[in-house]
Amino acid sequence: NQGPPDLDELLNDLGKKVSGIFGGKGNNRSSG
C-alpha cells in the first residue's frame, strides 16, 4: 500500500499522449 500515484506521473502520462499526437515517441523510461 504505497498511496495514490504522484502528480508528476500523471503529467508525464499526459505529456506522452500529447507528444504522441504531434508525432513524438513515448518512452516509459524517460527521465523526470
Full PDB file with SEQRES, HELIX, SHEET, SSBOND, CRYST1, ORIGX, SCALE, CONECT and MASTER records, all heavy atoms in Angstrom:
SEQRES   1 A   32  ASN GLN GLY PRO PRO ASP LEU ASP GLU LEU LEU ASN ASP          
SEQRES   2 A   32  LEU GLY LYS LYS VAL SER GLY ILE PHE GLY GLY LYS GLY          
SEQRES   3 A   32  ASN ASN ARG SER SER GLY                                      
HELIX    1 AA1 LEU A    7  ILE A   21  1                                  15    
CRYST1    1.000    1.000    1.000  90.00  90.00  90.00 P 1           1          
ORIGX1      1.000000  0.000000  0.000000        0.00000                         
ORIGX2      0.000000  1.000000  0.000000        0.00000                         
ORIGX3      0.000000  0.000000  1.000000        0.00000                         
SCALE1      1.000000  0.000000  0.000000        0.00000                         
SCALE2      0.000000  1.000000  0.000000        0.00000                         
SCALE3      0.000000  0.000000  1.000000        0.00000                         
ATOM      1  N   ASN A   1       0.859  -1.185   0.000  1.00  0.00           N  
ATOM      2  CA  ASN A   1       0.000   0.000   0.000  1.00  0.00           C  
ATOM      3  C   ASN A   1       0.887   1.223   0.000  1.00  0.00           C  
ATOM      4  O   ASN A   1       1.360   1.680   1.056  1.00  0.00           O  
ATOM      5  CB  ASN A   1      -0.910  -0.027   1.220  1.00  0.00           C  
ATOM      6  CG  ASN A   1      -1.933   1.090   1.185  1.00  0.00           C  
ATOM      7  OD1 ASN A   1      -2.056   1.762   0.173  1.00  0.00           O  
ATOM      8  ND2 ASN A   1      -2.654   1.234   2.288  1.00  0.00           N  
ATOM      9  N   GLN A   2       1.150   1.793  -1.236  1.00  0.00           N  
ATOM     10  CA  GLN A   2       2.019   2.961  -1.389  1.00  0.00           C  
ATOM     11  C   GLN A   2       1.251   4.263  -1.542  1.00  0.00           C  
ATOM     12  O   GLN A   2       1.833   5.289  -1.818  1.00  0.00           O  
ATOM     13  CB  GLN A   2       2.921   2.751  -2.604  1.00  0.00           C  
ATOM     14  CG  GLN A   2       3.844   1.559  -2.461  1.00  0.00           C  
ATOM     15  CD  GLN A   2       4.711   1.355  -3.688  1.00  0.00           C  
ATOM     16  OE1 GLN A   2       4.569   2.090  -4.660  1.00  0.00           O  
ATOM     17  NE2 GLN A   2       5.599   0.359  -3.638  1.00  0.00           N  
ATOM     18  N   GLY A   3      -0.115   4.294  -1.469  1.00  0.00           N  
ATOM     19  CA  GLY A   3      -0.905   5.523  -1.566  1.00  0.00           C  
ATOM     20  C   GLY A   3      -1.199   5.884  -3.008  1.00  0.00           C  
ATOM     21  O   GLY A   3      -0.906   5.136  -3.930  1.00  0.00           O  
ATOM     22  N   PRO A   4      -1.812   7.030  -3.254  1.00  0.00           N  
ATOM     23  CA  PRO A   4      -2.171   7.444  -4.609  1.00  0.00           C  
ATOM     24  C   PRO A   4      -0.943   7.768  -5.437  1.00  0.00           C  
ATOM     25  O   PRO A   4       0.118   8.062  -4.887  1.00  0.00           O  
ATOM     26  CB  PRO A   4      -3.028   8.696  -4.363  1.00  0.00           C  
ATOM     27  CG  PRO A   4      -2.602   9.197  -3.049  1.00  0.00           C  
ATOM     28  CD  PRO A   4      -2.203   8.001  -2.226  1.00  0.00           C  
ATOM     29  N   PRO A   5      -1.051   7.719  -6.774  1.00  0.00           N  
ATOM     30  CA  PRO A   5       0.109   7.981  -7.635  1.00  0.00           C  
ATOM     31  C   PRO A   5       0.539   9.435  -7.535  1.00  0.00           C  
ATOM     32  O   PRO A   5      -0.245  10.310  -7.173  1.00  0.00           O  
ATOM     33  CB  PRO A   5      -0.417   7.643  -9.034  1.00  0.00           C  
ATOM     34  CG  PRO A   5      -1.880   7.815  -8.944  1.00  0.00           C  
ATOM     35  CD  PRO A   5      -2.249   7.381  -7.541  1.00  0.00           C  
ATOM     36  N   ASP A   6       1.778   9.689  -7.918  1.00  0.00           N  
ATOM     37  CA  ASP A   6       2.346  11.028  -7.859  1.00  0.00           C  
ATOM     38  C   ASP A   6       1.786  11.879  -8.995  1.00  0.00           C  
ATOM     39  O   ASP A   6       1.472  11.381 -10.080  1.00  0.00           O  
ATOM     40  CB  ASP A   6       3.876  10.934  -7.947  1.00  0.00           C  
ATOM     41  CG  ASP A   6       4.529  12.265  -7.614  1.00  0.00           C  
ATOM     42  OD1 ASP A   6       3.778  13.192  -7.234  1.00  0.00           O  
ATOM     43  OD2 ASP A   6       5.754  12.382  -7.758  1.00  0.00           O  
ATOM     44  N   LEU A   7       1.700  13.232  -8.760  1.00  0.00           N  
ATOM     45  CA  LEU A   7       1.195  14.158  -9.779  1.00  0.00           C  
ATOM     46  C   LEU A   7       2.126  14.209 -10.963  1.00  0.00           C  
ATOM     47  O   LEU A   7       1.681  14.405 -12.111  1.00  0.00           O  
ATOM     48  CB  LEU A   7       1.018  15.550  -9.158  1.00  0.00           C  
ATOM     49  CG  LEU A   7       0.474  16.651 -10.076  1.00  0.00           C  
ATOM     50  CD1 LEU A   7      -0.910  16.269 -10.588  1.00  0.00           C  
ATOM     51  CD2 LEU A   7       0.408  17.984  -9.338  1.00  0.00           C  
ATOM     52  N   ASP A   8       3.428  14.016 -10.705  1.00  0.00           N  
ATOM     53  CA  ASP A   8       4.376  14.048 -11.823  1.00  0.00           C  
ATOM     54  C   ASP A   8       4.129  12.907 -12.789  1.00  0.00           C  
ATOM     55  O   ASP A   8       4.268  13.064 -14.016  1.00  0.00           O  
ATOM     56  CB  ASP A   8       5.816  13.973 -11.291  1.00  0.00           C  
ATOM     57  CG  ASP A   8       6.209  15.236 -10.526  1.00  0.00           C  
ATOM     58  OD1 ASP A   8       5.552  16.276 -10.803  1.00  0.00           O  
ATOM     59  OD2 ASP A   8       7.113  15.184  -9.693  1.00  0.00           O  
ATOM     60  N   GLU A   9       3.735  11.772 -12.248  1.00  0.00           N  
ATOM     61  CA  GLU A   9       3.454  10.642 -13.119  1.00  0.00           C  
ATOM     62  C   GLU A   9       2.238  10.930 -13.997  1.00  0.00           C  
ATOM     63  O   GLU A   9       2.216  10.594 -15.203  1.00  0.00           O  
ATOM     64  CB  GLU A   9       3.233   9.385 -12.284  1.00  0.00           C  
ATOM     65  CG  GLU A   9       4.480   8.914 -11.553  1.00  0.00           C  
ATOM     66  CD  GLU A   9       4.214   7.648 -10.760  1.00  0.00           C  
ATOM     67  OE1 GLU A   9       3.033   7.176 -10.809  1.00  0.00           O  
ATOM     68  OE2 GLU A   9       5.131   7.156 -10.130  1.00  0.00           O  
ATOM     69  N   LEU A  10       1.223  11.552 -13.423  1.00  0.00           N  
ATOM     70  CA  LEU A  10       0.039  11.906 -14.230  1.00  0.00           C  
ATOM     71  C   LEU A  10       0.401  12.882 -15.337  1.00  0.00           C  
ATOM     72  O   LEU A  10      -0.035  12.750 -16.485  1.00  0.00           O  
ATOM     73  CB  LEU A  10      -1.049  12.493 -13.333  1.00  0.00           C  
ATOM     74  CG  LEU A  10      -1.684  11.532 -12.316  1.00  0.00           C  
ATOM     75  CD1 LEU A  10      -2.687  12.278 -11.450  1.00  0.00           C  
ATOM     76  CD2 LEU A  10      -2.372  10.371 -13.021  1.00  0.00           C  
ATOM     77  N   LEU A  11       1.182  13.941 -15.028  1.00  0.00           N  
ATOM     78  CA  LEU A  11       1.597  14.898 -16.049  1.00  0.00           C  
ATOM     79  C   LEU A  11       2.475  14.236 -17.089  1.00  0.00           C  
ATOM     80  O   LEU A  11       2.415  14.590 -18.287  1.00  0.00           O  
ATOM     81  CB  LEU A  11       2.326  16.064 -15.399  1.00  0.00           C  
ATOM     82  CG  LEU A  11       1.474  16.956 -14.480  1.00  0.00           C  
ATOM     83  CD1 LEU A  11       2.334  18.039 -13.841  1.00  0.00           C  
ATOM     84  CD2 LEU A  11       0.349  17.591 -15.272  1.00  0.00           C  
ATOM     85  N   ASN A  12       3.297  13.247 -16.618  1.00  0.00           N  
ATOM     86  CA  ASN A  12       4.163  12.532 -17.566  1.00  0.00           C  
ATOM     87  C   ASN A  12       3.320  11.749 -18.557  1.00  0.00           C  
ATOM     88  O   ASN A  12       3.571  11.742 -19.765  1.00  0.00           O  
ATOM     89  CB  ASN A  12       5.108  11.608 -16.796  1.00  0.00           C  
ATOM     90  CG  ASN A  12       6.189  11.015 -17.698  1.00  0.00           C  
ATOM     91  OD1 ASN A  12       6.373  11.459 -18.835  1.00  0.00           O  
ATOM     92  ND2 ASN A  12       6.902  10.010 -17.190  1.00  0.00           N  
ATOM     93  N   ASP A  13       2.291  11.077 -18.028  1.00  0.00           N  
ATOM     94  CA  ASP A  13       1.397  10.347 -18.936  1.00  0.00           C  
ATOM     95  C   ASP A  13       0.691  11.289 -19.910  1.00  0.00           C  
ATOM     96  O   ASP A  13       0.544  10.977 -21.097  1.00  0.00           O  
ATOM     97  CB  ASP A  13       0.353   9.580 -18.123  1.00  0.00           C  
ATOM     98  CG  ASP A  13       0.992   8.456 -17.299  1.00  0.00           C  
ATOM     99  OD1 ASP A  13       2.086   8.035 -17.671  1.00  0.00           O  
ATOM    100  OD2 ASP A  13       0.364   8.053 -16.299  1.00  0.00           O  
ATOM    101  N   LEU A  14       0.234  12.461 -19.440  1.00  0.00           N  
ATOM    102  CA  LEU A  14      -0.410  13.430 -20.327  1.00  0.00           C  
ATOM    103  C   LEU A  14       0.546  13.931 -21.383  1.00  0.00           C  
ATOM    104  O   LEU A  14       0.201  14.095 -22.555  1.00  0.00           O  
ATOM    105  CB  LEU A  14      -0.980  14.588 -19.504  1.00  0.00           C  
ATOM    106  CG  LEU A  14      -1.707  15.696 -20.276  1.00  0.00           C  
ATOM    107  CD1 LEU A  14      -2.925  15.109 -20.993  1.00  0.00           C  
ATOM    108  CD2 LEU A  14      -2.146  16.814 -19.337  1.00  0.00           C  
ATOM    109  N   GLY A  15       1.803  14.164 -20.976  1.00  0.00           N  
ATOM    110  CA  GLY A  15       2.802  14.620 -21.944  1.00  0.00           C  
ATOM    111  C   GLY A  15       3.086  13.591 -22.994  1.00  0.00           C  
ATOM    112  O   GLY A  15       3.284  13.909 -24.174  1.00  0.00           O  
ATOM    113  N   LYS A  16       3.102  12.363 -22.581  1.00  0.00           N  
ATOM    114  CA  LYS A  16       3.328  11.304 -23.555  1.00  0.00           C  
ATOM    115  C   LYS A  16       2.199  11.266 -24.574  1.00  0.00           C  
ATOM    116  O   LYS A  16       2.417  11.080 -25.783  1.00  0.00           O  
ATOM    117  CB  LYS A  16       3.449   9.967 -22.841  1.00  0.00           C  
ATOM    118  CG  LYS A  16       4.748   9.823 -22.032  1.00  0.00           C  
ATOM    119  CD  LYS A  16       4.776   8.475 -21.327  1.00  0.00           C  
ATOM    120  CE  LYS A  16       6.059   8.321 -20.488  1.00  0.00           C  
ATOM    121  NZ  LYS A  16       6.105   7.027 -19.765  1.00  0.00           N  
ATOM    122  N   LYS A  17       0.979  11.372 -24.109  1.00  0.00           N  
ATOM    123  CA  LYS A  17      -0.145  11.343 -25.032  1.00  0.00           C  
ATOM    124  C   LYS A  17      -0.097  12.509 -25.998  1.00  0.00           C  
ATOM    125  O   LYS A  17      -0.359  12.359 -27.199  1.00  0.00           O  
ATOM    126  CB  LYS A  17      -1.456  11.352 -24.255  1.00  0.00           C  
ATOM    127  CG  LYS A  17      -1.670  10.079 -23.435  1.00  0.00           C  
ATOM    128  CD  LYS A  17      -2.970  10.165 -22.659  1.00  0.00           C  
ATOM    129  CE  LYS A  17      -3.203   8.909 -21.831  1.00  0.00           C  
ATOM    130  NZ  LYS A  17      -4.453   8.954 -21.045  1.00  0.00           N  
ATOM    131  N   VAL A  18       0.224  13.714 -25.500  1.00  0.00           N  
ATOM    132  CA  VAL A  18       0.287  14.885 -26.377  1.00  0.00           C  
ATOM    133  C   VAL A  18       1.394  14.749 -27.381  1.00  0.00           C  
ATOM    134  O   VAL A  18       1.251  15.070 -28.573  1.00  0.00           O  
ATOM    135  CB  VAL A  18       0.441  16.155 -25.534  1.00  0.00           C  
ATOM    136  CG1 VAL A  18       0.692  17.364 -26.440  1.00  0.00           C  
ATOM    137  CG2 VAL A  18      -0.796  16.392 -24.692  1.00  0.00           C  
ATOM    138  N   SER A  19       2.559  14.239 -26.918  1.00  0.00           N  
ATOM    139  CA  SER A  19       3.670  14.058 -27.842  1.00  0.00           C  
ATOM    140  C   SER A  19       3.356  13.010 -28.885  1.00  0.00           C  
ATOM    141  O   SER A  19       3.788  13.087 -30.033  1.00  0.00           O  
ATOM    142  CB  SER A  19       4.927  13.670 -27.059  1.00  0.00           C  
ATOM    143  OG  SER A  19       4.715  12.432 -26.381  1.00  0.00           O  
ATOM    144  N   GLY A  20       2.554  12.023 -28.510  1.00  0.00           N  
ATOM    145  CA  GLY A  20       2.144  11.028 -29.485  1.00  0.00           C  
ATOM    146  C   GLY A  20       1.247  11.625 -30.544  1.00  0.00           C  
ATOM    147  O   GLY A  20       1.288  11.252 -31.708  1.00  0.00           O  
ATOM    148  N   ILE A  21       0.446  12.561 -30.116  1.00  0.00           N  
ATOM    149  CA  ILE A  21      -0.430  13.227 -31.100  1.00  0.00           C  
ATOM    150  C   ILE A  21       0.386  14.014 -32.100  1.00  0.00           C  
ATOM    151  O   ILE A  21       0.104  14.032 -33.303  1.00  0.00           O  
ATOM    152  CB  ILE A  21      -1.442  14.134 -30.375  1.00  0.00           C  
ATOM    153  CG1 ILE A  21      -2.396  13.264 -29.547  1.00  0.00           C  
ATOM    154  CG2 ILE A  21      -2.214  14.989 -31.347  1.00  0.00           C  
ATOM    155  CD1 ILE A  21      -3.313  14.066 -28.679  1.00  0.00           C  
ATOM    156  N   PHE A  22       1.433  14.722 -31.651  1.00  0.00           N  
ATOM    157  CA  PHE A  22       2.257  15.557 -32.524  1.00  0.00           C  
ATOM    158  C   PHE A  22       3.407  14.785 -33.171  1.00  0.00           C  
ATOM    159  O   PHE A  22       4.340  15.381 -33.686  1.00  0.00           O  
ATOM    160  CB  PHE A  22       2.818  16.756 -31.747  1.00  0.00           C  
ATOM    161  CG  PHE A  22       1.780  17.758 -31.389  1.00  0.00           C  
ATOM    162  CD1 PHE A  22       1.208  17.767 -30.129  1.00  0.00           C  
ATOM    163  CD2 PHE A  22       1.361  18.705 -32.318  1.00  0.00           C  
ATOM    164  CE1 PHE A  22       0.265  18.687 -29.800  1.00  0.00           C  
ATOM    165  CE2 PHE A  22       0.414  19.636 -31.981  1.00  0.00           C  
ATOM    166  CZ  PHE A  22      -0.158  19.631 -30.725  1.00  0.00           C  
ATOM    167  N   GLY A  23       3.404  13.473 -33.046  1.00  0.00           N  
ATOM    168  CA  GLY A  23       4.403  12.654 -33.749  1.00  0.00           C  
ATOM    169  C   GLY A  23       5.597  12.270 -32.897  1.00  0.00           C  
ATOM    170  O   GLY A  23       6.549  11.672 -33.408  1.00  0.00           O  
ATOM    171  N   GLY A  24       5.638  12.630 -31.655  1.00  0.00           N  
ATOM    172  CA  GLY A  24       6.760  12.265 -30.795  1.00  0.00           C  
ATOM    173  C   GLY A  24       6.667  10.821 -30.355  1.00  0.00           C  
ATOM    174  O   GLY A  24       5.616  10.192 -30.420  1.00  0.00           O  
ATOM    175  N   LYS A  25       7.810  10.225 -29.904  1.00  0.00           N  
ATOM    176  CA  LYS A  25       7.864   8.829 -29.451  1.00  0.00           C  
ATOM    177  C   LYS A  25       7.854   8.799 -27.954  1.00  0.00           C  
ATOM    178  O   LYS A  25       8.679   9.437 -27.293  1.00  0.00           O  
ATOM    179  CB  LYS A  25       9.112   8.140 -29.958  1.00  0.00           C  
ATOM    180  CG  LYS A  25       9.139   8.010 -31.478  1.00  0.00           C  
ATOM    181  CD  LYS A  25      10.378   7.302 -31.918  1.00  0.00           C  
ATOM    182  CE  LYS A  25      10.422   7.140 -33.441  1.00  0.00           C  
ATOM    183  NZ  LYS A  25      11.659   6.448 -33.896  1.00  0.00           N  
ATOM    184  N   GLY A  26       6.904   8.108 -27.435  1.00  0.00           N  
ATOM    185  CA  GLY A  26       6.801   7.987 -25.990  1.00  0.00           C  
ATOM    186  C   GLY A  26       7.847   7.007 -25.455  1.00  0.00           C  
ATOM    187  O   GLY A  26       8.135   5.974 -26.064  1.00  0.00           O  
ATOM    188  N   ASN A  27       8.441   7.271 -24.345  1.00  0.00           N  
ATOM    189  CA  ASN A  27       9.459   6.426 -23.719  1.00  0.00           C  
ATOM    190  C   ASN A  27       9.118   6.301 -22.263  1.00  0.00           C  
ATOM    191  O   ASN A  27       9.147   7.297 -21.521  1.00  0.00           O  
ATOM    192  CB  ASN A  27      10.838   7.020 -23.895  1.00  0.00           C  
ATOM    193  CG  ASN A  27      11.940   6.073 -23.412  1.00  0.00           C  
ATOM    194  OD1 ASN A  27      11.647   4.942 -22.991  1.00  0.00           O  
ATOM    195  ND2 ASN A  27      13.183   6.529 -23.488  1.00  0.00           N  
ATOM    196  N   ASN A  28       8.737   5.083 -21.875  1.00  0.00           N  
ATOM    197  CA  ASN A  28       8.337   4.886 -20.498  1.00  0.00           C  
ATOM    198  C   ASN A  28       9.486   5.019 -19.543  1.00  0.00           C  
ATOM    199  O   ASN A  28       9.300   5.218 -18.360  1.00  0.00           O  
ATOM    200  CB  ASN A  28       7.695   3.503 -20.335  1.00  0.00           C  
ATOM    201  CG  ASN A  28       6.384   3.395 -21.092  1.00  0.00           C  
ATOM    202  OD1 ASN A  28       5.715   4.399 -21.256  1.00  0.00           O  
ATOM    203  ND2 ASN A  28       6.054   2.188 -21.537  1.00  0.00           N  
ATOM    204  N   ARG A  29      10.727   4.970 -20.118  1.00  0.00           N  
ATOM    205  CA  ARG A  29      11.868   5.054 -19.239  1.00  0.00           C  
ATOM    206  C   ARG A  29      12.551   6.395 -19.313  1.00  0.00           C  
ATOM    207  O   ARG A  29      13.719   6.571 -19.073  1.00  0.00           O  
ATOM    208  CB  ARG A  29      12.874   3.961 -19.614  1.00  0.00           C  
ATOM    209  CG  ARG A  29      12.359   2.566 -19.302  1.00  0.00           C  
ATOM    210  CD  ARG A  29      13.313   1.506 -19.766  1.00  0.00           C  
ATOM    211  NE  ARG A  29      13.388   1.503 -21.226  1.00  0.00           N  
ATOM    212  CZ  ARG A  29      14.172   0.636 -21.934  1.00  0.00           C  
ATOM    213  NH1 ARG A  29      14.917  -0.249 -21.329  1.00  0.00           N  
ATOM    214  NH2 ARG A  29      14.161   0.681 -23.253  1.00  0.00           N  
ATOM    215  N   SER A  30      11.729   7.462 -19.787  1.00  0.00           N  
ATOM    216  CA  SER A  30      12.299   8.803 -19.857  1.00  0.00           C  
ATOM    217  C   SER A  30      12.562   9.334 -18.472  1.00  0.00           C  
ATOM    218  O   SER A  30      11.931   8.922 -17.505  1.00  0.00           O  
ATOM    219  CB  SER A  30      11.382   9.726 -20.638  1.00  0.00           C  
ATOM    220  OG  SER A  30      10.145   9.821 -19.963  1.00  0.00           O  
ATOM    221  N   SER A  31      13.476  10.304 -18.401  1.00  0.00           N  
ATOM    222  CA  SER A  31      13.858  10.884 -17.109  1.00  0.00           C  
ATOM    223  C   SER A  31      12.792  11.836 -16.623  1.00  0.00           C  
ATOM    224  O   SER A  31      11.861  12.193 -17.341  1.00  0.00           O  
ATOM    225  CB  SER A  31      15.194  11.605 -17.242  1.00  0.00           C  
ATOM    226  OG  SER A  31      15.069  12.666 -18.183  1.00  0.00           O  
ATOM    227  N   GLY A  32      12.934  12.348 -15.404  1.00  0.00           N  
ATOM    228  CA  GLY A  32      11.962  13.298 -14.841  1.00  0.00           C  
ATOM    229  C   GLY A  32      12.014  14.633 -15.524  1.00  0.00           C  
ATOM    230  O   GLY A  32      11.022  15.335 -15.606  1.00  0.00           O  
TER     231      GLY A  32                                                      
MASTER        0    0    0    1    0    0    0    6  230    1    0    3          
END                                                                             
